[in-house]
Protein backbone atom coordinates (compact mmCIF):
# COMPACT_ATOMS: atom_id res chain seq x y z
CA MET A 1 53.05 119.47 152.04
CA PRO A 2 54.01 117.48 148.63
CA ASP A 3 51.38 117.67 146.10
CA VAL A 4 51.24 113.91 145.79
CA ALA A 5 51.28 112.41 149.70
CA THR A 6 52.43 109.45 149.74
CA PRO A 7 51.97 106.32 152.42
CA LEU A 8 55.33 107.28 153.51
CA VAL A 9 54.73 111.36 153.66
CA HIS A 10 51.52 110.68 155.28
CA ALA A 11 53.05 107.89 157.82
CA ALA A 12 56.08 110.18 158.40
CA THR A 13 53.48 113.56 158.98
CA ASP A 14 52.14 111.31 161.78
CA VAL A 15 55.55 111.29 163.42
CA LEU A 16 55.78 114.96 164.27
CA ARG A 17 52.65 115.21 164.64
CA ALA A 18 52.26 112.70 167.90
CA ASN A 19 55.52 114.06 168.89
CA ASP A 20 54.50 117.70 168.91
CA ARG A 21 54.04 119.70 171.95
CA GLY A 22 53.53 122.78 170.94
CA GLU A 23 56.44 124.94 169.90
CA ARG A 24 58.97 122.10 170.36
CA THR A 25 58.38 118.51 169.24
CA VAL A 26 60.65 115.63 171.02
CA ALA A 27 63.73 114.46 169.11
CA ALA A 28 61.60 111.11 169.66
CA PRO A 29 59.28 109.70 172.18
CA ARG A 30 60.73 108.02 175.20
CA LEU A 31 64.07 108.34 174.49
CA TYR A 32 64.86 112.15 173.72
CA PRO A 33 62.08 113.94 175.70
CA HIS A 34 63.40 117.77 174.88
CA GLN A 35 64.51 119.70 171.96
CA TRP A 36 67.46 119.10 170.47
CA SER A 37 70.14 121.30 169.40
CA TRP A 38 70.43 120.01 165.24
CA ASP A 39 67.53 117.72 165.52
CA ALA A 40 65.82 121.27 165.91
CA ALA A 41 67.10 122.87 162.15
CA PHE A 42 66.01 119.15 160.86
CA VAL A 43 62.48 118.94 162.35
CA ALA A 44 62.05 121.91 161.27
CA ILE A 45 63.38 121.60 157.98
CA GLY A 46 60.25 118.52 158.05
CA TRP A 47 57.45 120.50 159.20
CA GLY A 48 58.47 123.20 156.96
CA THR A 49 56.84 120.80 154.08
CA VAL A 50 53.79 120.45 156.42
CA SER A 51 53.60 124.14 157.32
CA VAL A 52 55.46 126.27 157.63
CA PRO A 53 54.65 128.70 160.83
CA ARG A 54 55.22 125.60 162.51
CA ALA A 55 58.55 124.98 161.21
CA LEU A 56 59.38 129.02 162.52
CA ASP A 57 58.15 127.98 166.09
CA GLU A 58 60.16 125.15 166.43
CA LEU A 59 63.46 127.22 165.38
CA ARG A 60 62.14 129.89 167.72
CA HIS A 61 61.44 127.77 170.21
CA LEU A 62 64.99 126.44 170.30
CA LEU A 63 66.59 129.96 170.48
CA ARG A 64 64.91 130.64 173.75
CA GLY A 65 67.87 128.74 174.77
CA GLN A 66 70.07 130.73 173.02
CA TRP A 67 73.44 131.60 175.78
CA ALA A 68 74.58 135.42 175.55
CA THR A 69 77.48 134.35 174.13
CA GLY A 70 75.81 134.10 170.76
CA MET A 71 75.99 130.25 171.31
CA ILE A 72 72.91 128.16 170.73
CA PRO A 73 73.33 124.98 173.21
CA GLN A 74 72.92 121.46 172.57
CA ILE A 75 69.53 121.13 174.66
CA VAL A 76 67.03 122.77 175.52
CA PHE A 77 65.11 120.89 178.37
CA SER A 78 61.62 120.01 179.18
CA ALA A 79 59.54 119.60 182.59
CA GLU A 80 59.16 115.72 181.07
CA PRO A 81 61.53 113.20 182.66
CA GLY A 82 63.22 110.01 181.45
CA TYR A 83 66.46 111.80 180.19
CA PHE A 84 70.14 111.62 181.32
CA PRO A 85 71.42 113.94 181.98
CA GLY A 86 69.42 117.21 183.17
CA PRO A 87 69.85 119.90 183.74
CA ASP A 88 71.69 118.55 187.70
CA ARG A 89 73.91 117.41 185.49
CA TRP A 90 75.17 120.47 184.11
CA ARG A 91 74.70 123.02 186.51
CA THR A 92 74.04 125.76 183.98
CA GLN A 93 71.42 127.83 185.64
CA GLY A 94 72.52 131.52 187.23
CA LEU A 95 75.63 131.70 184.97
CA PRO A 96 75.33 135.02 183.39
CA THR A 97 75.37 134.24 180.20
CA VAL A 98 72.13 131.76 180.61
CA PRO A 99 68.75 132.81 180.40
CA ASN A 100 66.82 132.63 183.22
CA ASP A 101 64.16 131.30 182.21
CA VAL A 102 64.62 127.87 180.74
CA GLN A 103 67.30 125.52 181.52
CA THR A 104 69.61 124.07 178.81
CA SER A 105 72.94 122.02 178.26
CA GLY A 106 75.91 123.68 178.23
CA ILE A 107 77.27 122.66 175.34
CA CYS A 108 76.75 122.90 171.10
CA GLN A 109 76.18 121.01 168.13
CA PRO A 110 76.50 121.31 164.49
CA ALA A 111 74.96 124.62 163.30
CA VAL A 112 73.50 123.27 160.48
CA HIS A 113 70.23 126.09 162.02
CA SER A 114 70.39 128.71 158.81
CA LEU A 115 70.76 125.72 156.55
CA ALA A 116 66.86 125.14 157.46
CA VAL A 117 66.26 128.51 157.69
CA TRP A 118 67.23 128.96 153.82
CA VAL A 119 65.28 125.57 153.33
CA ILE A 120 62.04 126.46 154.99
CA GLY A 121 62.58 129.98 152.96
CA GLU A 122 62.31 127.79 149.21
CA GLN A 123 59.81 126.07 150.17
CA ALA A 124 57.73 129.47 152.09
CA ARG A 125 58.62 131.37 148.88
CA ARG A 126 57.53 128.46 146.71
CA ASN A 127 53.61 128.67 148.81
CA GLY A 128 53.73 132.46 148.27
CA GLY A 129 50.86 134.62 149.97
CA ALA A 130 50.65 134.06 153.94
CA ASP A 131 53.94 131.99 154.11
CA ALA A 132 56.46 133.80 152.46
CA GLU A 133 54.94 136.26 154.08
CA ALA A 134 56.05 134.73 157.91
CA PHE A 135 59.09 133.76 157.16
CA ASP A 136 59.97 136.91 156.05
CA ALA A 137 59.12 138.27 159.46
CA PHE A 138 60.65 135.94 160.95
CA LEU A 139 64.38 135.89 159.10
CA ALA A 140 64.31 139.83 160.26
CA ASP A 141 63.35 138.97 163.36
CA THR A 142 65.90 136.48 163.97
CA PHE A 143 68.30 137.49 161.86
CA GLU A 144 70.79 138.60 164.31
CA ALA A 145 70.18 135.53 166.90
CA TRP A 146 71.65 132.73 163.81
CA PHE A 147 74.72 135.97 163.15
CA ARG A 148 75.84 136.04 166.85
CA TRP A 149 75.57 132.07 166.91
CA HIS A 150 78.11 132.15 163.45
CA ALA A 151 80.28 134.72 164.99
CA TRP A 152 80.98 132.60 168.39
CA LEU A 153 82.29 129.94 166.41
CA ASP A 154 84.33 131.79 164.95
CA ASP A 155 85.35 134.23 167.50
CA ALA A 156 85.46 131.00 170.80
CA ARG A 157 85.77 127.50 169.03
CA GLY A 158 87.47 129.16 165.56
CA SER A 159 91.08 130.49 166.73
CA HIS A 160 93.72 127.28 166.64
CA PRO A 161 95.46 128.01 164.03
CA SER A 162 94.11 125.27 161.78
CA GLY A 163 90.99 127.30 161.53
CA LEU A 164 88.99 124.32 161.79
CA ILE A 165 85.68 124.71 164.77
CA GLU A 166 87.57 122.96 167.76
CA ILE A 167 84.49 121.22 170.32
CA HIS A 168 84.99 119.56 173.96
CA HIS A 169 82.64 116.89 174.57
CA PRO A 170 81.74 114.07 170.98
CA TRP A 171 78.48 115.04 172.09
CA GLU A 172 78.77 118.64 170.33
CA SER A 173 80.19 116.35 167.30
CA GLY A 174 76.60 115.31 167.30
CA MET A 175 78.70 111.63 166.29
CA ASP A 176 79.52 110.73 170.53
CA ASN A 177 81.03 107.33 169.46
CA SER A 178 82.25 107.65 166.05
CA PRO A 179 85.97 106.14 166.52
CA ARG A 180 87.19 109.27 164.93
CA TRP A 181 86.99 110.66 168.52
CA ASP A 182 88.85 107.05 170.27
CA ALA A 183 92.54 108.04 170.50
CA ALA A 184 91.25 111.54 171.73
CA CYS A 185 88.66 110.03 174.47
CA ALA A 186 91.19 107.72 175.12
CA ARG A 187 93.67 110.70 176.73
CA VAL A 188 90.40 110.95 178.95
CA ARG A 189 91.64 111.18 182.46
CA VAL A 190 88.04 110.27 184.42
CA GLY A 191 88.95 111.67 187.83
CA GLN A 192 85.89 111.10 191.12
CA MET A 193 82.37 111.65 190.21
CA ALA A 194 78.54 111.92 191.82
CA PRO A 195 77.25 107.66 190.61
CA TYR A 196 74.88 108.31 188.09
CA VAL A 197 72.27 106.40 185.97
CA ARG A 198 71.65 105.34 182.57
CA GLU A 199 68.51 106.17 181.22
CA ASP A 200 69.46 105.63 177.17
CA THR A 201 69.99 101.91 177.62
CA LYS A 202 66.57 101.33 180.02
CA HIS A 203 64.75 101.97 176.68
CA VAL A 204 66.71 100.22 174.22
CA ALA A 205 66.83 96.75 174.53
CA ASP A 206 70.07 95.91 172.79
CA VAL A 207 72.87 97.48 174.61
CA GLU A 208 74.54 96.68 172.20
CA GLN A 209 73.14 99.69 169.95
CA ARG A 210 74.51 102.16 172.38
CA PRO A 211 77.42 103.41 173.84
CA ALA A 212 79.52 102.03 176.13
CA ASP A 213 79.71 102.20 179.83
CA ALA A 214 83.39 103.35 179.13
CA ASP A 215 82.21 106.20 177.42
CA TYR A 216 79.50 107.32 179.87
CA ASP A 217 81.99 107.59 181.62
CA ARG A 218 84.71 109.57 180.17
CA TYR A 219 81.45 112.22 178.74
CA LEU A 220 80.09 112.78 182.60
CA TRP A 221 84.25 113.93 183.22
CA LEU A 222 84.03 115.99 180.23
CA VAL A 223 81.01 117.77 181.53
CA GLU A 224 82.88 117.92 185.58
CA GLN A 225 85.62 119.59 183.90
CA LEU A 226 83.35 122.28 182.18
CA VAL A 227 81.16 123.11 185.19
CA SER A 228 84.35 123.90 186.98
CA VAL A 229 85.32 126.61 184.79
CA GLY A 230 81.76 127.69 184.46
CA TYR A 231 81.77 126.68 181.07
CA GLU A 232 83.95 129.52 180.13
CA ASP A 233 85.28 129.33 176.87
CA ALA A 234 88.90 130.47 177.18
CA ALA A 235 89.60 128.49 180.54
CA ALA A 236 87.66 125.72 178.94
CA ARG A 237 90.79 125.46 176.37
CA GLU A 238 92.83 125.24 179.12
CA VAL A 239 90.93 122.37 181.63
CA ILE A 240 89.58 120.09 179.04
CA ASP A 241 90.44 116.74 177.97
CA PHE A 242 88.74 116.22 175.02
CA ARG A 243 90.12 119.26 171.98
CA VAL A 244 89.24 118.56 168.88
CA GLY A 245 89.32 120.53 165.66
CA ASP A 246 85.93 118.93 164.20
CA VAL A 247 85.82 118.78 160.25
CA PHE A 248 82.22 118.33 160.03
CA PHE A 249 81.62 120.62 162.37
CA THR A 250 83.48 123.08 160.90
CA ALA A 251 81.87 122.22 157.15
CA THR A 252 78.60 122.50 158.63
CA HIS A 253 79.19 126.42 160.02
CA ALA A 254 80.92 126.99 156.78
CA LEU A 255 77.41 125.84 154.27
CA SER A 256 75.34 127.64 156.60
CA ALA A 257 77.29 130.65 156.77
CA ALA A 258 77.19 130.96 153.41
CA VAL A 259 73.79 130.67 153.31
CA LEU A 260 72.61 132.85 155.86
CA ALA A 261 75.27 135.37 153.73
CA THR A 262 72.56 135.24 150.99
CA MET A 263 69.63 136.01 153.07
CA GLY A 264 71.18 139.02 154.91
CA ASP A 265 71.57 140.71 151.30
CA ARG A 266 68.30 139.98 150.72
CA LEU A 267 67.26 141.62 154.01
CA GLY A 268 70.13 144.39 153.40
CA ARG A 269 72.31 143.69 156.21
CA THR A 270 75.64 143.94 153.66
CA ALA A 271 78.09 144.05 155.99
CA GLN A 272 76.58 141.06 157.58
CA ALA A 273 76.71 139.28 155.12
CA ARG A 274 80.35 140.40 153.84
CA THR A 275 81.38 138.74 157.31
CA LEU A 276 79.51 135.95 157.00
CA ARG A 277 81.37 134.78 153.63
CA GLY A 278 84.69 135.93 155.07
CA MET A 279 83.81 133.19 157.91
CA ALA A 280 82.70 130.57 155.13
CA ALA A 281 85.56 131.51 153.67
CA ARG A 282 88.17 130.76 156.35
CA ALA A 283 86.38 127.57 157.45
CA ARG A 284 86.21 126.07 153.68
CA ALA A 285 89.69 126.25 153.40
CA ALA A 286 90.02 125.14 156.99
CA VAL A 287 88.15 121.99 155.97
CA ALA A 288 90.42 121.52 152.70
CA ALA A 289 93.67 121.38 154.67
CA THR A 290 93.13 118.83 156.45
CA ALA A 291 92.86 117.12 153.57
CA ASP A 292 94.55 113.07 153.54
CA PRO A 293 97.56 113.03 150.91
CA GLU A 294 97.17 109.56 150.94
CA THR A 295 92.73 109.52 150.86
CA GLY A 296 92.39 112.93 149.84
CA HIS A 297 89.33 112.53 152.84
CA ALA A 298 89.43 115.13 155.31
CA ARG A 299 90.44 114.29 158.93
CA ASP A 300 90.08 115.56 162.69
CA PHE A 301 92.88 117.90 163.91
CA ASP A 302 93.53 116.32 168.55
CA MET A 303 94.52 119.70 169.58
CA ARG A 304 95.71 118.12 172.81
CA ALA A 305 98.26 115.83 171.46
CA GLU A 306 98.53 118.17 168.18
CA GLU A 307 98.32 115.46 165.94
CA TRP A 308 95.66 114.16 163.02
CA LEU A 309 93.37 111.85 163.73
CA ARG A 310 93.18 109.11 161.47
CA ALA A 311 89.80 106.89 161.13
CA ASP A 312 87.74 105.68 158.62
CA THR A 313 84.52 107.63 158.70
CA ILE A 314 81.09 109.84 157.56
CA GLY A 315 83.40 113.00 158.59
CA GLY A 316 86.84 112.51 155.91
CA PHE A 317 83.36 113.28 153.42
CA ALA A 318 83.20 117.06 155.47
CA ALA A 319 84.02 118.15 151.95
CA LEU A 320 81.15 117.92 149.71
CA ILE A 321 79.06 119.54 152.66
CA CYS A 322 80.44 122.39 152.62
CA GLY A 323 82.01 122.91 148.90
CA ALA A 324 85.84 122.00 146.77
CA GLU A 325 87.31 122.56 144.15
CA PRO A 326 85.65 120.83 140.96
CA ASP A 327 88.13 117.73 140.90
CA VAL A 328 87.91 117.16 144.82
CA TYR A 329 84.49 117.07 144.93
CA ALA A 330 83.80 114.97 141.84
CA ALA A 331 86.57 112.50 143.59
CA LEU A 332 85.46 112.36 146.90
CA THR A 333 81.79 111.38 145.73
CA SER A 334 82.96 109.49 142.89
CA ASP A 335 84.65 107.57 146.68
CA LEU A 336 81.13 108.19 148.32
CA LEU A 337 79.21 106.09 145.30
CA GLY A 338 82.21 104.11 145.35
CA PRO A 339 82.81 100.18 146.74
CA ASP A 340 84.58 101.30 149.85
CA TRP A 341 81.10 102.96 150.78
CA CYS A 342 77.78 103.02 149.29
CA GLY A 343 78.49 100.20 146.82
CA HIS A 344 80.41 98.10 149.39
CA PRO A 345 78.95 94.61 149.01
CA ARG A 346 78.48 94.12 152.38
CA LEU A 347 76.18 96.80 153.13
CA ALA A 348 72.26 95.90 152.69
CA ASN A 349 71.49 99.23 151.18
CA PRO A 350 73.80 101.72 148.93
CA LEU A 351 73.83 104.56 151.71
CA PRO A 352 76.66 105.89 153.35
CA PRO A 353 77.73 103.80 156.34
CA THR A 354 79.53 106.02 159.59
CA THR A 355 82.10 104.08 159.42
CA SER A 356 83.62 101.60 156.14
CA PRO A 357 82.92 98.49 156.37
CA ASP A 358 87.01 98.02 155.70
CA SER A 359 88.19 99.14 159.09
CA PRO A 360 88.84 97.60 162.10
CA ALA A 361 86.44 99.87 164.03
CA PHE A 362 83.65 99.38 162.02
CA VAL A 363 80.81 97.68 164.07
CA SER A 364 77.13 97.14 162.49
CA ARG A 365 74.46 98.57 164.78
CA ASN A 366 76.41 100.31 167.25
CA TYR A 367 75.76 103.71 167.51
CA TRP A 368 78.00 106.38 165.32
CA ARG A 369 80.07 103.11 164.64
CA GLY A 370 78.83 101.98 161.45
CA PRO A 371 75.30 102.30 160.81
CA GLN A 372 73.26 104.38 159.17
CA TRP A 373 71.60 107.51 159.69
CA PRO A 374 69.03 109.01 156.90
CA VAL A 375 68.95 112.58 158.66
CA ILE A 376 72.81 112.33 157.45
CA THR A 377 71.39 110.97 154.24
CA TRP A 378 69.46 114.01 153.42
CA LEU A 379 72.01 115.85 154.84
CA PHE A 380 74.84 114.65 151.61
CA THR A 381 71.81 114.12 149.11
CA TRP A 382 70.56 118.37 149.86
CA ALA A 383 74.58 118.74 149.51
CA LEU A 384 75.82 117.57 146.64
CA ARG A 385 72.53 118.60 144.88
CA HIS A 386 72.96 122.71 146.13
CA HIS A 387 77.01 121.96 144.62
CA GLY A 388 75.61 121.18 141.08
CA HIS A 389 75.53 117.32 141.76
CA ALA A 390 72.58 115.85 141.35
CA GLU A 391 72.91 112.58 139.82
CA ALA A 392 74.55 111.14 143.19
CA ALA A 393 72.28 113.09 145.26
CA GLN A 394 69.57 111.43 143.11
CA THR A 395 71.50 108.00 143.44
CA ILE A 396 71.68 108.13 146.96
CA ALA A 397 67.83 109.88 147.88
CA THR A 398 65.93 106.64 145.87
CA ALA A 399 68.04 104.49 148.42
CA GLY A 400 67.39 106.51 151.43
CA ARG A 401 63.31 106.58 151.11
CA ASN A 402 63.66 102.81 150.25
CA GLN A 403 65.49 102.41 153.63
CA LEU A 404 62.12 104.40 155.18
CA ALA A 405 59.92 102.14 153.44
CA ASP A 406 59.32 99.92 156.69
CA GLY A 407 57.29 102.07 158.60
CA THR A 408 60.05 102.56 161.70
CA PHE A 409 61.02 105.67 161.79
CA SER A 410 64.22 104.60 163.51
CA GLU A 411 67.25 106.54 164.67
CA TYR A 412 69.68 104.58 162.58
CA TYR A 413 69.77 101.01 160.55
CA ASP A 414 71.80 98.28 160.87
CA ALA A 415 74.35 98.65 157.69
CA VAL A 416 74.74 95.50 157.00
CA THR A 417 71.20 93.55 157.77
CA GLY A 418 69.14 97.05 157.29
CA ALA A 419 67.66 96.63 160.72
CA PRO A 420 65.80 99.49 162.69
CA LEU A 421 67.89 99.77 165.24
CA GLY A 422 67.71 102.80 168.68
CA SER A 423 64.64 104.34 169.11
CA ARG A 424 61.18 104.34 166.82
CA ASN A 425 59.64 107.45 165.37
CA GLN A 426 62.53 109.49 165.31
CA SER A 427 61.48 113.19 164.31
CA TRP A 428 64.59 113.97 162.28
CA THR A 429 64.30 110.67 160.67
CA ALA A 430 60.47 111.16 160.05
CA ALA A 431 61.31 114.47 158.29
CA ALA A 432 64.14 113.72 156.33
CA ALA A 433 61.03 111.61 154.79
CA LEU A 434 59.22 114.50 153.70
CA ALA A 435 62.28 116.88 153.01
CA TRP A 436 63.21 113.81 150.45
CA ALA A 437 59.92 114.29 149.11
CA THR A 438 59.87 117.83 148.70
CA ASP A 439 63.07 117.83 147.19
CA GLU A 440 61.65 115.71 144.48
CA GLU A 441 59.29 117.85 143.28
CA SER A 442 61.10 121.26 143.17
């Protein structure tokens, strides 16, 4: 734990401990009772500031759900009730590539896991002693699993000529109802499927904070399409209505593959490290190639319609995650901090909104259509610092910590009023607070 245990650090630690279920952490106490893939990566980073062994347990538990293909699924289910869609809707059990001893969903989420391993490893080295030994053993034991995850992304999801990692469901992006996906989702034609009852709106009083019912119809229909081909990747490319090159996912893959390559060199896995660097270089080049000629911001690509998807969202800053040429990186950093984004006069806090306040799609309190997500804010501060823009990182991190001073550790925050939204005591929000405290000291 950071040397100076501030009230915020104490409160964030309490959230993680309250959400701890032994080897896994629920994403939120009521709304999200299972283990989510990219949540778990950020949660493990938070745990690493408290207990390195506990952080490693979090990632080990996630790897229990890894498919034989190498995919790390979006959800590793527990026996806890209260979430939809559950295993009965996903119908992955019994598939030849799926583990027999756990239940999982059939899609993935952004590949931030090797980044988490890197950050925890740096903390373990600072701690030294037993923590450093535990981390080294963990890395040796799990390196192959992380490598296979990136290899699957590169092979099964990176084959499009654009070089972008393709996703087959908005949930795979982690940014479910972002305006990034409006045009592609509008082309989804919902067919006949079993009726369903949403659980999320039972736990969030104001349904305007959540995706619309029409969105959920599309989400569930895409699951039906994936079930129809047994989640087989090549077949899914043929049948799925939603096939999009996700520039933000591609950027996280590039960053994580690059840091995993460095860890591979330390283990003596030089051939695999070389392969990972090739993956990272291809993904980084793919992100760079998406730049809008007018704004310089990154764009997603609709592989069904064969057209760029234009939306003024946080996805436009994907190159800040994976890196870019110095002049491009500096220009994007200036844009992020400038009056159209963090410095926009409508914002309650000078932090990245998920959609530009000047966009007609901006809704300040609706999920990924405008609110500020502390975990995404932390990711950008880490990446900015990693790529040599420490002053910009510090500016955003200071505002991010101030936002969390309300003590709710909310899932996301209204970008205009600053009100906490979504679930409270969200594990990855608490993890962001702990990570910022450690970043400040390191």
